[in-house]
């Protein structure tokens, strides 16, 4: 039987987001994307806010004893709704291990 751990992360807010001058749209419509164990999760978009309040709880499951390298890191990215494609630079990014949170 495989044992699972539930990991809960509360996303509160971001502050002082600025788009690069090269982007066509100047308003910021951010959302937070979280990657863990090969899965992605996202908040709703907060329209026209450089300091969005997400107030969202992510709940993820990870199985005990997993050796996958992607299980050892959680990636947070603040992206814009109007980003051209998945290769567009995020407005902000942070990484950490579940143990460090």
PDB file of N, CA and C in Angstrom:
ATOM      1  N   UNK A   1       0.841  -1.177   0.000  1.00  0.00           N
ATOM      2  CA  UNK A   1       0.000   0.000   0.000  1.00  0.00           C
ATOM      3  C   UNK A   1       0.894   1.251   0.000  1.00  0.00           C
ATOM      4  N   UNK A   2       0.563   2.196  -0.860  1.00  0.00           N
ATOM      5  CA  UNK A   2       1.338   3.424  -0.969  1.00  0.00           C
ATOM      6  C   UNK A   2       0.770   4.465  -0.012  1.00  0.00           C
ATOM      7  N   UNK A   3       1.651   5.064   0.771  1.00  0.00           N
ATOM      8  CA  UNK A   3       1.222   6.119   1.698  1.00  0.00           C
ATOM      9  C   UNK A   3       1.385   7.473   1.025  1.00  0.00           C
ATOM     10  N   UNK A   4       0.421   8.337   1.223  1.00  0.00           N
ATOM     11  CA  UNK A   4       0.461   9.675   0.647  1.00  0.00           C
ATOM     12  C   UNK A   4       0.552  10.728   1.735  1.00  0.00           C
ATOM     13  N   UNK A   5       1.246  11.798   1.419  1.00  0.00           N
ATOM     14  CA  UNK A   5       1.304  12.963   2.284  1.00  0.00           C
ATOM     15  C   UNK A   5       0.506  14.061   1.602  1.00  0.00           C
ATOM     16  N   UNK A   6      -0.269  14.801   2.364  1.00  0.00           N
ATOM     17  CA  UNK A   6      -0.970  15.955   1.822  1.00  0.00           C
ATOM     18  C   UNK A   6      -0.164  17.193   2.166  1.00  0.00           C
ATOM     19  N   UNK A   7       0.099  17.999   1.160  1.00  0.00           N
ATOM     20  CA  UNK A   7       0.835  19.238   1.346  1.00  0.00           C
ATOM     21  C   UNK A   7      -0.119  20.378   1.012  1.00  0.00           C
ATOM     22  N   UNK A   8      -0.264  21.310   1.944  1.00  0.00           N
ATOM     23  CA  UNK A   8      -1.102  22.485   1.720  1.00  0.00           C
ATOM     24  C   UNK A   8      -0.222  23.722   1.733  1.00  0.00           C
ATOM     25  N   UNK A   9      -0.416  24.572   0.724  1.00  0.00           N
ATOM     26  CA  UNK A   9       0.330  25.825   0.630  1.00  0.00           C
ATOM     27  C   UNK A   9      -0.666  26.944   0.398  1.00  0.00           C
ATOM     28  N   UNK A  10      -0.591  27.966   1.218  1.00  0.00           N
ATOM     29  CA  UNK A  10      -1.478  29.121   1.093  1.00  0.00           C
ATOM     30  C   UNK A  10      -0.736  30.230   0.365  1.00  0.00           C
ATOM     31  N   UNK A  11      -1.256  30.623  -0.789  1.00  0.00           N
ATOM     32  CA  UNK A  11      -0.691  31.736  -1.556  1.00  0.00           C
ATOM     33  C   UNK A  11      -1.424  33.005  -1.148  1.00  0.00           C
ATOM     34  N   UNK A  12      -0.717  33.947  -0.588  1.00  0.00           N
ATOM     35  CA  UNK A  12      -1.347  35.165  -0.093  1.00  0.00           C
ATOM     36  C   UNK A  12      -1.363  36.283  -1.130  1.00  0.00           C
ATOM     37  N   UNK A  13      -0.178  36.775  -1.524  1.00  0.00           N
ATOM     38  CA  UNK A  13      -0.141  37.934  -2.408  1.00  0.00           C
ATOM     39  C   UNK A  13       1.231  38.066  -3.073  1.00  0.00           C
ATOM     40  N   UNK A  14       1.298  38.972  -4.016  1.00  0.00           N
ATOM     41  CA  UNK A  14       2.555  39.398  -4.631  1.00  0.00           C
ATOM     42  C   UNK A  14       2.556  40.925  -4.568  1.00  0.00           C
ATOM     43  N   UNK A  15       3.728  41.515  -4.616  1.00  0.00           N
ATOM     44  CA  UNK A  15       3.816  42.969  -4.506  1.00  0.00           C
ATOM     45  C   UNK A  15       4.768  43.550  -5.535  1.00  0.00           C
ATOM     46  N   UNK A  16       4.420  44.711  -6.059  1.00  0.00           N
ATOM     47  CA  UNK A  16       5.308  45.474  -6.932  1.00  0.00           C
ATOM     48  C   UNK A  16       5.634  44.821  -8.254  1.00  0.00           C
ATOM     49  N   UNK A  17       4.669  44.143  -8.878  1.00  0.00           N
ATOM     50  CA  UNK A  17       4.926  43.491 -10.160  1.00  0.00           C
ATOM     51  C   UNK A  17       5.027  44.541 -11.270  1.00  0.00           C
ATOM     52  N   UNK A  18       6.014  44.385 -12.140  1.00  0.00           N
ATOM     53  CA  UNK A  18       6.218  45.312 -13.245  1.00  0.00           C
ATOM     54  C   UNK A  18       6.475  44.505 -14.505  1.00  0.00           C
ATOM     55  N   UNK A  19       5.785  44.859 -15.583  1.00  0.00           N
ATOM     56  CA  UNK A  19       6.037  44.204 -16.868  1.00  0.00           C
ATOM     57  C   UNK A  19       7.242  44.850 -17.546  1.00  0.00           C
ATOM     58  N   UNK A  20       7.990  44.081 -18.315  1.00  0.00           N
ATOM     59  CA  UNK A  20       9.083  44.671 -19.094  1.00  0.00           C
ATOM     60  C   UNK A  20       8.532  45.690 -20.100  1.00  0.00           C
ATOM     61  N   UNK A  21       9.321  46.705 -20.412  1.00  0.00           N
ATOM     62  CA  UNK A  21       8.902  47.746 -21.366  1.00  0.00           C
ATOM     63  C   UNK A  21       8.600  47.183 -22.747  1.00  0.00           C
ATOM     64  N   UNK A  22       9.194  46.065 -23.082  1.00  0.00           N
ATOM     65  CA  UNK A  22       9.017  45.484 -24.412  1.00  0.00           C
ATOM     66  C   UNK A  22       7.648  44.820 -24.604  1.00  0.00           C
ATOM     67  N   UNK A  23       6.904  44.600 -23.519  1.00  0.00           N
ATOM     68  CA  UNK A  23       5.602  43.949 -23.649  1.00  0.00           C
ATOM     69  C   UNK A  23       4.572  44.942 -24.151  1.00  0.00           C
ATOM     70  N   UNK A  24       3.678  44.484 -25.003  1.00  0.00           N
ATOM     71  CA  UNK A  24       2.667  45.345 -25.626  1.00  0.00           C
ATOM     72  C   UNK A  24       1.680  45.899 -24.593  1.00  0.00           C
ATOM     73  N   UNK A  25       1.066  45.017 -23.790  1.00  0.00           N
ATOM     74  CA  UNK A  25       0.109  45.452 -22.777  1.00  0.00           C
ATOM     75  C   UNK A  25       0.869  45.936 -21.548  1.00  0.00           C
ATOM     76  N   UNK A  26       0.483  47.078 -21.005  1.00  0.00           N
ATOM     77  CA  UNK A  26       1.199  47.628 -19.848  1.00  0.00           C
ATOM     78  C   UNK A  26       0.544  47.282 -18.518  1.00  0.00           C
ATOM     79  N   UNK A  27      -0.760  46.977 -18.524  1.00  0.00           N
ATOM     80  CA  UNK A  27      -1.392  46.591 -17.261  1.00  0.00           C
ATOM     81  C   UNK A  27      -0.948  45.174 -16.902  1.00  0.00           C
ATOM     82  N   UNK A  28      -0.993  44.865 -15.632  1.00  0.00           N
ATOM     83  CA  UNK A  28      -0.578  43.554 -15.152  1.00  0.00           C
ATOM     84  C   UNK A  28      -1.830  42.787 -14.718  1.00  0.00           C
ATOM     85  N   UNK A  29      -2.032  41.605 -15.291  1.00  0.00           N
ATOM     86  CA  UNK A  29      -3.146  40.722 -14.945  1.00  0.00           C
ATOM     87  C   UNK A  29      -2.557  39.390 -14.480  1.00  0.00           C
ATOM     88  N   UNK A  30      -2.023  39.356 -13.255  1.00  0.00           N
ATOM     89  CA  UNK A  30      -1.236  38.207 -12.814  1.00  0.00           C
ATOM     90  C   UNK A  30      -2.048  37.038 -12.262  1.00  0.00           C
ATOM     91  N   UNK A  31      -1.401  35.899 -12.316  1.00  0.00           N
ATOM     92  CA  UNK A  31      -1.861  34.710 -11.610  1.00  0.00           C
ATOM     93  C   UNK A  31      -0.622  33.958 -11.143  1.00  0.00           C
ATOM     94  N   UNK A  32      -0.803  33.121 -10.146  1.00  0.00           N
ATOM     95  CA  UNK A  32       0.303  32.345  -9.595  1.00  0.00           C
ATOM     96  C   UNK A  32       0.196  30.912 -10.081  1.00  0.00           C
ATOM     97  N   UNK A  33       1.291  30.406 -10.605  1.00  0.00           N
ATOM     98  CA  UNK A  33       1.371  29.019 -11.060  1.00  0.00           C
ATOM     99  C   UNK A  33       2.340  28.294 -10.123  1.00  0.00           C
ATOM    100  N   UNK A  34       1.964  27.116  -9.695  1.00  0.00           N
ATOM    101  CA  UNK A  34       2.780  26.314  -8.792  1.00  0.00           C
ATOM    102  C   UNK A  34       3.032  24.961  -9.454  1.00  0.00           C
ATOM    103  N   UNK A  35       4.280  24.502  -9.429  1.00  0.00           N
ATOM    104  CA  UNK A  35       4.646  23.197  -9.968  1.00  0.00           C
ATOM    105  C   UNK A  35       5.159  22.323  -8.833  1.00  0.00           C
ATOM    106  N   UNK A  36       4.616  21.103  -8.754  1.00  0.00           N
ATOM    107  CA  UNK A  36       5.062  20.160  -7.735  1.00  0.00           C
ATOM    108  C   UNK A  36       4.809  18.747  -8.233  1.00  0.00           C
ATOM    109  N   UNK A  37       5.801  17.891  -8.113  1.00  0.00           N
ATOM    110  CA  UNK A  37       5.661  16.470  -8.462  1.00  0.00           C
ATOM    111  C   UNK A  37       5.169  16.274  -9.898  1.00  0.00           C
ATOM    112  N   UNK A  38       5.646  17.142 -10.809  1.00  0.00           N
ATOM    113  CA  UNK A  38       5.293  17.015 -12.218  1.00  0.00           C
ATOM    114  C   UNK A  38       3.911  17.534 -12.571  1.00  0.00           C
ATOM    115  N   UNK A  39       3.209  18.125 -11.621  1.00  0.00           N
ATOM    116  CA  UNK A  39       1.862  18.662 -11.851  1.00  0.00           C
ATOM    117  C   UNK A  39       1.890  20.172 -11.681  1.00  0.00           C
ATOM    118  N   UNK A  40       1.027  20.865 -12.434  1.00  0.00           N
ATOM    119  CA  UNK A  40       0.920  22.313 -12.262  1.00  0.00           C
ATOM    120  C   UNK A  40      -0.444  22.668 -11.688  1.00  0.00           C
ATOM    121  N   UNK A  41      -0.452  23.748 -10.925  1.00  0.00           N
ATOM    122  CA  UNK A  41      -1.657  24.264 -10.278  1.00  0.00           C
ATOM    123  C   UNK A  41      -1.640  25.777 -10.491  1.00  0.00           C
ATOM    124  N   UNK A  42      -2.791  26.432 -10.476  1.00  0.00           N
ATOM    125  CA  UNK A  42      -2.812  27.880 -10.688  1.00  0.00           C
ATOM    126  C   UNK A  42      -3.953  28.538  -9.924  1.00  0.00           C
ATOM    127  N   UNK A  43      -3.730  29.802  -9.582  1.00  0.00           N
ATOM    128  CA  UNK A  43      -4.781  30.613  -8.984  1.00  0.00           C
ATOM    129  C   UNK A  43      -5.615  31.227 -10.106  1.00  0.00           C
ATOM    130  N   UNK A  44      -6.656  31.918  -9.745  1.00  0.00           N
ATOM    131  CA  UNK A  44      -7.400  32.720 -10.702  1.00  0.00           C
ATOM    132  C   UNK A  44      -6.580  33.956 -11.052  1.00  0.00           C
ATOM    133  N   UNK A  45      -6.879  34.563 -12.185  1.00  0.00           N
ATOM    134  CA  UNK A  45      -6.229  35.798 -12.603  1.00  0.00           C
ATOM    135  C   UNK A  45      -6.787  36.950 -11.769  1.00  0.00           C
ATOM    136  N   UNK A  46      -5.892  37.837 -11.320  1.00  0.00           N
ATOM    137  CA  UNK A  46      -6.308  39.056 -10.634  1.00  0.00           C
ATOM    138  C   UNK A  46      -6.128  40.183 -11.654  1.00  0.00           C
ATOM    139  N   UNK A  47      -7.225  40.736 -12.127  1.00  0.00           N
ATOM    140  CA  UNK A  47      -7.202  41.731 -13.204  1.00  0.00           C
ATOM    141  C   UNK A  47      -6.567  43.049 -12.748  1.00  0.00           C
ATOM    142  N   UNK A  48      -5.704  43.592 -13.607  1.00  0.00           N
ATOM    143  CA  UNK A  48      -5.136  44.934 -13.478  1.00  0.00           C
ATOM    144  C   UNK A  48      -4.617  45.243 -12.071  1.00  0.00           C
ATOM    145  N   UNK A  49      -3.661  44.427 -11.593  1.00  0.00           N
ATOM    146  CA  UNK A  49      -3.113  44.638 -10.250  1.00  0.00           C
ATOM    147  C   UNK A  49      -1.619  44.329 -10.212  1.00  0.00           C
ATOM    148  N   UNK A  50      -0.836  45.321  -9.809  1.00  0.00           N
ATOM    149  CA  UNK A  50       0.601  45.114  -9.634  1.00  0.00           C
ATOM    150  C   UNK A  50       0.909  44.542  -8.252  1.00  0.00           C
ATOM    151  N   UNK A  51      -0.095  44.510  -7.376  1.00  0.00           N
ATOM    152  CA  UNK A  51       0.052  43.928  -6.038  1.00  0.00           C
ATOM    153  C   UNK A  51      -1.155  43.033  -5.745  1.00  0.00           C
ATOM    154  N   UNK A  52      -1.262  41.914  -6.466  1.00  0.00           N
ATOM    155  CA  UNK A  52      -2.453  41.067  -6.355  1.00  0.00           C
ATOM    156  C   UNK A  52      -2.546  40.313  -5.033  1.00  0.00           C
ATOM    157  N   UNK A  53      -3.765  40.130  -4.571  1.00  0.00           N
ATOM    158  CA  UNK A  53      -4.050  39.276  -3.417  1.00  0.00           C
ATOM    159  C   UNK A  53      -4.668  38.002  -3.984  1.00  0.00           C
ATOM    160  N   UNK A  54      -3.959  36.892  -3.851  1.00  0.00           N
ATOM    161  CA  UNK A  54      -4.437  35.620  -4.384  1.00  0.00           C
ATOM    162  C   UNK A  54      -5.337  34.896  -3.391  1.00  0.00           C
ATOM    163  N   UNK A  55      -4.937  34.857  -2.128  1.00  0.00           N
ATOM    164  CA  UNK A  55      -5.704  34.196  -1.069  1.00  0.00           C
ATOM    165  C   UNK A  55      -6.242  32.838  -1.537  1.00  0.00           C
ATOM    166  N   UNK A  56      -5.315  31.976  -1.932  1.00  0.00           N
ATOM    167  CA  UNK A  56      -5.670  30.671  -2.507  1.00  0.00           C
ATOM    168  C   UNK A  56      -4.876  29.573  -1.796  1.00  0.00           C
ATOM    169  N   UNK A  57      -5.523  28.486  -1.467  1.00  0.00           N
ATOM    170  CA  UNK A  57      -4.837  27.345  -0.855  1.00  0.00           C
ATOM    171  C   UNK A  57      -4.701  26.220  -1.880  1.00  0.00           C
ATOM    172  N   UNK A  58      -3.467  25.825  -2.118  1.00  0.00           N
ATOM    173  CA  UNK A  58      -3.178  24.679  -2.974  1.00  0.00           C
ATOM    174  C   UNK A  58      -3.108  23.448  -2.081  1.00  0.00           C
ATOM    175  N   UNK A  59      -3.689  22.353  -2.520  1.00  0.00           N
ATOM    176  CA  UNK A  59      -3.603  21.096  -1.789  1.00  0.00           C
ATOM    177  C   UNK A  59      -3.111  20.025  -2.748  1.00  0.00           C
ATOM    178  N   UNK A  60      -1.953  19.444  -2.418  1.00  0.00           N
ATOM    179  CA  UNK A  60      -1.320  18.470  -3.297  1.00  0.00           C
ATOM    180  C   UNK A  60      -0.999  17.203  -2.535  1.00  0.00           C
ATOM    181  N   UNK A  61      -0.914  16.104  -3.246  1.00  0.00           N
ATOM    182  CA  UNK A  61      -0.552  14.829  -2.629  1.00  0.00           C
ATOM    183  C   UNK A  61       0.785  14.376  -3.195  1.00  0.00           C
ATOM    184  N   UNK A  62       1.616  13.839  -2.310  1.00  0.00           N
ATOM    185  CA  UNK A  62       2.905  13.293  -2.703  1.00  0.00           C
ATOM    186  C   UNK A  62       3.048  11.940  -2.020  1.00  0.00           C
ATOM    187  N   UNK A  63       3.466  10.941  -2.787  1.00  0.00           N
ATOM    188  CA  UNK A  63       3.584   9.634  -2.143  1.00  0.00           C
ATOM    189  C   UNK A  63       4.902   9.500  -1.390  1.00  0.00           C
ATOM    190  N   UNK A  64       4.835   8.814  -0.288  1.00  0.00           N
ATOM    191  CA  UNK A  64       5.977   8.609   0.598  1.00  0.00           C
ATOM    192  C   UNK A  64       7.077   7.854  -0.126  1.00  0.00           C
ATOM    193  N   UNK A  65       8.300   8.286   0.063  1.00  0.00           N
ATOM    194  CA  UNK A  65       9.450   7.575  -0.499  1.00  0.00           C
ATOM    195  C   UNK A  65       9.679   7.831  -1.969  1.00  0.00           C
ATOM    196  N   UNK A  66       9.034   8.855  -2.515  1.00  0.00           N
ATOM    197  CA  UNK A  66       9.213   9.137  -3.937  1.00  0.00           C
ATOM    198  C   UNK A  66      10.655   9.534  -4.212  1.00  0.00           C
ATOM    199  N   UNK A  67      11.224   8.983  -5.279  1.00  0.00           N
ATOM    200  CA  UNK A  67      12.591   9.313  -5.662  1.00  0.00           C
ATOM    201  C   UNK A  67      12.639  10.251  -6.858  1.00  0.00           C
ATOM    202  N   UNK A  68      11.496  10.701  -7.332  1.00  0.00           N
ATOM    203  CA  UNK A  68      11.478  11.590  -8.486  1.00  0.00           C
ATOM    204  C   UNK A  68      12.144  12.918  -8.119  1.00  0.00           C
ATOM    205  N   UNK A  69      13.007  13.389  -8.990  1.00  0.00           N
ATOM    206  CA  UNK A  69      13.704  14.646  -8.696  1.00  0.00           C
ATOM    207  C   UNK A  69      12.744  15.817  -8.624  1.00  0.00           C
ATOM    208  N   UNK A  70      11.648  15.785  -9.408  1.00  0.00           N
ATOM    209  CA  UNK A  70      10.723  16.908  -9.378  1.00  0.00           C
ATOM    210  C   UNK A  70       9.942  16.986  -8.069  1.00  0.00           C
ATOM    211  N   UNK A  71       9.972  15.918  -7.258  1.00  0.00           N
ATOM    212  CA  UNK A  71       9.298  15.942  -5.959  1.00  0.00           C
ATOM    213  C   UNK A  71      10.092  16.736  -4.937  1.00  0.00           C
ATOM    214  N   UNK A  72      11.335  16.998  -5.239  1.00  0.00           N
ATOM    215  CA  UNK A  72      12.209  17.644  -4.268  1.00  0.00           C
ATOM    216  C   UNK A  72      12.157  19.162  -4.351  1.00  0.00           C
ATOM    217  N   UNK A  73      11.334  19.694  -5.229  1.00  0.00           N
ATOM    218  CA  UNK A  73      11.286  21.131  -5.405  1.00  0.00           C
ATOM    219  C   UNK A  73       9.859  21.574  -5.726  1.00  0.00           C
ATOM    220  N   UNK A  74       9.488  22.718  -5.156  1.00  0.00           N
ATOM    221  CA  UNK A  74       8.225  23.371  -5.501  1.00  0.00           C
ATOM    222  C   UNK A  74       8.607  24.659  -6.205  1.00  0.00           C
ATOM    223  N   UNK A  75       8.001  24.908  -7.347  1.00  0.00           N
ATOM    224  CA  UNK A  75       8.302  26.108  -8.133  1.00  0.00           C
ATOM    225  C   UNK A  75       7.069  27.000  -8.148  1.00  0.00           C
ATOM    226  N   UNK A  76       7.258  28.255  -7.789  1.00  0.00           N
ATOM    227  CA  UNK A  76       6.199  29.260  -7.822  1.00  0.00           C
ATOM    228  C   UNK A  76       6.548  30.257  -8.921  1.00  0.00           C
ATOM    229  N   UNK A  77       5.601  30.543  -9.812  1.00  0.00           N
ATOM    230  CA  UNK A  77       5.827  31.540 -10.857  1.00  0.00           C
ATOM    231  C   UNK A  77       4.628  32.473 -10.914  1.00  0.00           C
ATOM    232  N   UNK A  78       4.899  33.761 -10.924  1.00  0.00           N
ATOM    233  CA  UNK A  78       3.845  34.735 -11.159  1.00  0.00           C
ATOM    234  C   UNK A  78       3.911  35.076 -12.639  1.00  0.00           C
ATOM    235  N   UNK A  79       2.815  34.821 -13.335  1.00  0.00           N
ATOM    236  CA  UNK A  79       2.736  35.028 -14.777  1.00  0.00           C
ATOM    237  C   UNK A  79       1.640  36.033 -15.090  1.00  0.00           C
ATOM    238  N   UNK A  80       1.654  36.525 -16.307  1.00  0.00           N
ATOM    239  CA  UNK A  80       0.622  37.454 -16.749  1.00  0.00           C
ATOM    240  C   UNK A  80      -0.350  36.749 -17.691  1.00  0.00           C
ATOM    241  N   UNK A  81      -1.619  37.076 -17.558  1.00  0.00           N
ATOM    242  CA  UNK A  81      -2.668  36.474 -18.387  1.00  0.00           C
ATOM    243  C   UNK A  81      -2.386  36.657 -19.873  1.00  0.00           C
ATOM    244  N   UNK A  82      -1.767  37.757 -20.249  1.00  0.00           N
ATOM    245  CA  UNK A  82      -1.540  38.050 -21.660  1.00  0.00           C
ATOM    246  C   UNK A  82      -0.150  37.685 -22.146  1.00  0.00           C
ATOM    247  N   UNK A  83       0.562  36.845 -21.402  1.00  0.00           N
ATOM    248  CA  UNK A  83       1.877  36.390 -21.872  1.00  0.00           C
ATOM    249  C   UNK A  83       1.695  35.688 -23.211  1.00  0.00           C
ATOM    250  N   UNK A  84       2.610  35.909 -24.112  1.00  0.00           N
ATOM    251  CA  UNK A  84       2.489  35.400 -25.477  1.00  0.00           C
ATOM    252  C   UNK A  84       2.498  33.879 -25.539  1.00  0.00           C
ATOM    253  N   UNK A  85       3.401  33.251 -24.816  1.00  0.00           N
ATOM    254  CA  UNK A  85       3.491  31.795 -24.844  1.00  0.00           C
ATOM    255  C   UNK A  85       4.186  31.305 -23.586  1.00  0.00           C
ATOM    256  N   UNK A  86       4.359  30.009 -23.478  1.00  0.00           N
ATOM    257  CA  UNK A  86       4.933  29.434 -22.260  1.00  0.00           C
ATOM    258  C   UNK A  86       6.411  29.785 -22.078  1.00  0.00           C
ATOM    259  N   UNK A  87       7.055  30.366 -23.103  1.00  0.00           N
ATOM    260  CA  UNK A  87       8.466  30.719 -22.986  1.00  0.00           C
ATOM    261  C   UNK A  87       8.668  32.153 -22.501  1.00  0.00           C
ATOM    262  N   UNK A  88       7.585  32.887 -22.308  1.00  0.00           N
ATOM    263  CA  UNK A  88       7.679  34.248 -21.800  1.00  0.00           C
ATOM    264  C   UNK A  88       8.194  34.221 -20.365  1.00  0.00           C
ATOM    265  N   UNK A  89       9.069  35.146 -20.056  1.00  0.00           N
ATOM    266  CA  UNK A  89       9.628  35.233 -18.706  1.00  0.00           C
ATOM    267  C   UNK A  89       8.525  35.502 -17.693  1.00  0.00           C
ATOM    268  N   UNK A  90       8.572  34.825 -16.555  1.00  0.00           N
ATOM    269  CA  UNK A  90       7.592  35.123 -15.505  1.00  0.00           C
ATOM    270  C   UNK A  90       7.860  36.498 -14.902  1.00  0.00           C
ATOM    271  N   UNK A  91       6.841  37.086 -14.288  1.00  0.00           N
ATOM    272  CA  UNK A  91       7.001  38.352 -13.585  1.00  0.00           C
ATOM    273  C   UNK A  91       7.788  38.150 -12.299  1.00  0.00           C
ATOM    274  N   UNK A  92       7.768  36.933 -11.784  1.00  0.00           N
ATOM    275  CA  UNK A  92       8.517  36.580 -10.585  1.00  0.00           C
ATOM    276  C   UNK A  92       8.564  35.075 -10.436  1.00  0.00           C
ATOM    277  N   UNK A  93       9.590  34.574  -9.783  1.00  0.00           N
ATOM    278  CA  UNK A  93       9.732  33.134  -9.587  1.00  0.00           C
ATOM    279  C   UNK A  93      10.461  32.852  -8.282  1.00  0.00           C
ATOM    280  N   UNK A  94      10.036  31.787  -7.611  1.00  0.00           N
ATOM    281  CA  UNK A  94      10.711  31.326  -6.396  1.00  0.00           C
ATOM    282  C   UNK A  94      10.689  29.804  -6.388  1.00  0.00           C
ATOM    283  N   UNK A  95      11.696  29.217  -5.768  1.00  0.00           N
ATOM    284  CA  UNK A  95      11.801  27.768  -5.684  1.00  0.00           C
ATOM    285  C   UNK A  95      12.125  27.378  -4.253  1.00  0.00           C
ATOM    286  N   UNK A  96      11.651  26.220  -3.850  1.00  0.00           N
ATOM    287  CA  UNK A  96      11.967  25.731  -2.518  1.00  0.00           C
ATOM    288  C   UNK A  96      11.575  24.268  -2.384  1.00  0.00           C
ATOM    289  N   UNK A  97      12.067  23.640  -1.351  1.00  0.00           N
ATOM    290  CA  UNK A  97      11.698  22.253  -1.093  1.00  0.00           C
ATOM    291  C   UNK A  97      10.531  22.234  -0.134  1.00  0.00           C
ATOM    292  N   UNK A  98       9.716  21.181  -0.170  1.00  0.00           N
ATOM    293  CA  UNK A  98       8.603  21.088   0.785  1.00  0.00           C
ATOM    294  C   UNK A  98       9.070  21.205   2.235  1.00  0.00           C
ATOM    295  N   UNK A  99      10.243  20.688   2.521  1.00  0.00           N
ATOM    296  CA  UNK A  99      10.759  20.736   3.887  1.00  0.00           C
ATOM    297  C   UNK A  99      11.103  22.162   4.332  1.00  0.00           C
ATOM    298  N   UNK A 100      11.427  23.037   3.361  1.00  0.00           N
ATOM    299  CA  UNK A 100      11.827  24.409   3.712  1.00  0.00           C
ATOM    300  C   UNK A 100      10.632  25.328   3.899  1.00  0.00           C
ATOM    301  N   UNK A 101       9.444  24.862   3.575  1.00  0.00           N
ATOM    302  CA  UNK A 101       8.280  25.748   3.657  1.00  0.00           C
ATOM    303  C   UNK A 101       7.630  25.690   4.982  1.00  0.00           C
TER     304      UNK A 101
END
